[in-house]
Protein backbone atom coordinates (compact mmCIF):
# COMPACT_ATOMS: atom_id res chain seq x y z
CA GLY A 1 18.48 32.04 -66.18
CA HIS A 2 16.71 30.37 -63.31
CA MET A 3 17.48 30.35 -59.61
CA VAL A 4 16.70 27.73 -56.95
CA GLN A 5 16.71 28.77 -53.32
CA ASN A 6 16.28 26.95 -50.01
CA LYS A 7 18.25 23.85 -51.13
CA THR A 8 20.23 23.62 -47.89
CA GLY A 9 19.91 24.96 -44.39
CA THR A 10 21.32 24.65 -40.91
CA VAL A 11 20.08 22.34 -38.18
CA SER A 12 19.64 25.29 -35.81
CA TYR A 13 21.13 28.70 -35.29
CA LYS A 14 23.58 27.17 -32.79
CA VAL A 15 24.70 24.25 -34.99
CA HIS A 16 26.14 25.51 -38.27
CA LYS A 17 26.18 22.15 -40.05
CA GLN A 18 24.60 22.34 -43.53
CA VAL A 19 21.90 19.79 -44.33
CA SER A 20 20.12 19.17 -47.62
CA LYS A 21 16.41 19.95 -47.72
CA PRO A 22 13.80 18.02 -49.73
CA LYS A 23 13.38 19.17 -53.34
CA GLU A 24 9.69 19.93 -52.84
CA ASN A 25 10.62 22.60 -50.25
CA GLY A 26 12.85 24.43 -52.73
CA ILE A 27 11.85 27.73 -54.27
CA LYS A 28 12.42 28.01 -58.03
CA VAL A 29 12.29 31.45 -59.60
CA GLU A 30 12.51 31.48 -63.39
CA HIS A 31 13.93 34.22 -65.62
CA THR A 32 15.77 36.04 -62.83
CA HIS A 33 18.80 36.92 -64.97
CA GLU A 34 20.19 36.61 -68.48
CA PRO A 35 20.98 32.93 -69.18
CA LEU A 36 24.61 31.96 -69.82
CA VAL A 37 23.54 29.22 -72.28
CA SER A 38 20.26 28.74 -74.10
CA GLN A 39 17.64 26.38 -72.70
CA GLU A 40 18.00 24.12 -75.76
CA VAL A 41 21.76 23.72 -75.21
CA TRP A 42 21.21 23.10 -71.49
CA ASP A 43 18.62 20.37 -72.18
CA ALA A 44 20.87 18.70 -74.77
CA VAL A 45 23.84 18.60 -72.38
CA GLN A 46 21.66 17.25 -69.56
CA ARG A 47 20.43 14.44 -71.82
CA LEU A 48 24.03 13.53 -72.70
CA ASP A 49 25.20 13.87 -69.12
CA ASN A 50 22.52 11.49 -67.84
CA HIS A 51 23.04 8.88 -70.55
CA PRO A 52 24.09 5.54 -68.95
CA SER A 53 27.14 4.96 -71.15
CA LYS A 54 28.36 8.53 -71.59
CA GLY A 55 27.32 10.65 -68.65
CA ARG A 56 28.13 10.88 -64.98
CA SER A 57 25.57 8.22 -64.13
CA GLY A 58 27.55 5.72 -66.19
CA GLN A 59 29.74 3.08 -64.59
CA ARG A 60 32.92 4.43 -66.18
CA TRP A 61 32.44 7.82 -64.51
CA GLN A 62 31.84 6.19 -61.12
CA GLN A 63 34.97 4.05 -61.48
CA TRP A 64 37.04 7.08 -62.42
CA THR A 65 35.80 9.24 -59.56
CA SER A 66 35.87 6.54 -56.88
CA GLY A 67 39.63 6.90 -56.53
CA TRP A 68 39.39 10.68 -56.19
CA ARG A 69 36.77 10.50 -53.45
CA ASN A 70 39.29 8.79 -51.16
CA TRP A 71 42.28 10.93 -52.10
CA LYS A 72 43.40 11.32 -48.48
CA SER A 73 44.07 7.59 -48.27
CA TRP A 74 46.61 7.60 -51.14
CA TRP A 75 48.00 11.15 -51.11
CA SER A 76 50.64 12.21 -48.63
CA PRO A 77 52.26 15.64 -48.48
CA PRO A 78 55.88 15.92 -49.60
CA MET A 79 58.48 15.31 -46.95
CA ARG A 80 60.25 18.39 -45.62
CA THR A 81 64.02 18.30 -45.59
CA ARG A 82 66.32 20.75 -43.90
């Protein structure tokens, strides 16, 4: 398995907000642990996942997830009765 470090960081030691860092600043270390799936299976799934009509980049996926992104606007907690 591979590991990528330094993907996010804080603005300063006083402000604990997480910010994304540029990909070129990331540190990739390969073969750090036993892989959970083979590299061939991983590559095949990534190809399917990025396909315009089948994967997450497809319009159907974006339509399906758009409602879940704004779940606070349509979900209300159950009313309490005594």
